[in-house]
Structure formats: C-alpha cells, structure tokens
Amino acid sequence: MLEMEKYLEDECSDLNWTVVRPPGLQNTPVTDKEILTHEGYFVPDERGYPITNTVSRADVSRFMLSTLNDNQWTRKIVAMCCK
C-alpha cells in the first residue's frame, strides 16, 4: 500500500485522487454518526491513540462519496472513522 501511495503522490499529479484509510471494516448498516478525519494513518484522540478500531463499510462508502463534491481531500491521504 505504501508503494501505491508513493506512486500516486509522485506520478499522478494529473489525477484527482484520495486515499482513504479506515480502521477495521465491519459489515454493518450505514449510520448517521459524525465522520472524523485526520491526515495520517489514523484519527487520534486527545492522547494520540486511535479513536476507534472499527467502522462500518457503509460509513466508509458514505465518506468516500462525500469527497466527490469536496476538494478538501483531493490528492491527499486521509484516515477516517465515525464517532
């Protein structure tokens, strides 16, 4: 995965890409929980530890779809989770 991310950063400046790093995926329904994001490997709490270690696949999809209309995470690598 690191090689793919480096390739995107170094060789794909002509593409609009976003790498999404969710924690462990669960096969549970979509929720209306707040989506938390952080540029990096995980979304940290106030002590620097991951906020959670699981997220619904449906919530990851919800976040990914939201990035289509928002340039905040264009050409970036983002960790996400729900609170």
Protein backbone atom coordinates (compact mmCIF):
# COMPACT_ATOMS: atom_id res chain seq x y z
CA MET A 1 0.00 0.00 0.00
CA LEU A 2 2.87 2.36 0.77
CA GLU A 3 4.25 1.87 -2.75
CA MET A 4 0.85 2.66 -4.26
CA GLU A 5 0.53 5.82 -2.17
CA LYS A 6 4.03 6.95 -3.13
CA TYR A 7 3.21 6.31 -6.79
CA LEU A 8 0.05 8.43 -6.53
CA GLU A 9 1.95 11.27 -4.87
CA ASP A 10 4.93 11.16 -7.25
CA GLU A 11 3.47 10.11 -10.59
CA CYS A 12 -0.21 11.06 -10.67
CA SER A 13 -0.27 14.84 -10.45
CA ASP A 14 -2.68 14.88 -13.41
CA LEU A 15 -5.32 12.87 -11.47
CA ASN A 16 -7.68 13.82 -8.67
CA TRP A 17 -7.21 11.02 -6.15
CA THR A 18 -7.91 10.46 -2.47
CA VAL A 19 -6.57 7.58 -0.39
CA VAL A 20 -8.94 6.66 2.45
CA ARG A 21 -7.55 4.80 5.46
CA PRO A 22 -10.38 3.42 7.58
CA PRO A 23 -9.83 1.30 10.69
CA GLY A 24 -11.07 -2.31 10.71
CA LEU A 25 -14.10 -2.76 8.49
CA GLN A 26 -17.40 -4.16 9.73
CA ASN A 27 -20.35 -5.46 7.71
CA THR A 28 -22.91 -3.32 9.50
CA PRO A 29 -25.51 -0.85 8.19
CA VAL A 30 -24.79 2.77 7.44
CA THR A 31 -25.10 5.12 10.41
CA ASP A 32 -25.65 8.83 10.84
CA LYS A 33 -22.64 9.15 13.13
CA GLU A 34 -20.27 12.06 12.68
CA ILE A 35 -17.35 11.27 10.38
CA LEU A 36 -13.98 12.25 11.83
CA THR A 37 -10.94 12.71 9.59
CA HIS A 38 -7.22 13.25 10.02
CA GLU A 39 -4.36 13.42 7.56
CA GLY A 40 -2.28 10.40 8.51
CA TYR A 41 -2.60 6.74 9.42
CA PHE A 42 -5.44 7.03 11.96
CA VAL A 43 -7.72 9.55 13.64
CA PRO A 44 -6.14 10.27 17.06
CA ASP A 45 -7.88 11.04 20.33
CA GLU A 46 -6.57 13.72 22.71
CA ARG A 47 -3.79 11.36 23.90
CA GLY A 48 -2.68 10.45 20.36
CA TYR A 49 -4.28 6.99 20.26
CA PRO A 50 -6.75 5.85 17.58
CA ILE A 51 -10.30 6.91 18.43
CA THR A 52 -11.71 3.57 17.31
CA ASN A 53 -10.53 0.36 15.68
CA THR A 54 -13.64 -0.40 13.59
CA VAL A 55 -16.01 1.32 11.19
CA SER A 56 -18.92 0.24 9.04
CA ARG A 57 -18.11 -0.39 5.38
CA ALA A 58 -21.24 1.59 4.61
CA ASP A 59 -19.92 4.59 6.56
CA VAL A 60 -16.63 4.39 4.66
CA SER A 61 -18.65 4.48 1.45
CA ARG A 62 -20.63 7.44 2.78
CA PHE A 63 -17.38 9.30 3.43
CA MET A 64 -15.88 8.37 0.05
CA LEU A 65 -18.98 9.60 -1.76
CA SER A 66 -18.82 12.88 0.15
CA THR A 67 -15.30 13.51 -1.17
CA LEU A 68 -16.62 13.60 -4.74
CA ASN A 69 -18.13 17.06 -4.19
CA ASP A 70 -15.48 18.42 -1.83
CA ASN A 71 -11.88 19.18 -2.75
CA GLN A 72 -10.65 19.11 0.86
CA TRP A 73 -9.05 15.69 0.43
CA THR A 74 -8.03 15.88 -3.24
CA ARG A 75 -4.54 14.46 -3.70
CA LYS A 76 -4.29 13.58 -0.02
CA ILE A 77 -4.21 10.55 2.24
CA VAL A 78 -6.87 10.67 4.93
CA ALA A 79 -7.72 8.48 7.89
CA MET A 80 -11.39 8.37 8.81
CA CYS A 81 -13.66 6.91 11.45
CA CYS A 82 -17.07 7.59 12.99
CA LYS A 83 -17.83 8.90 16.45
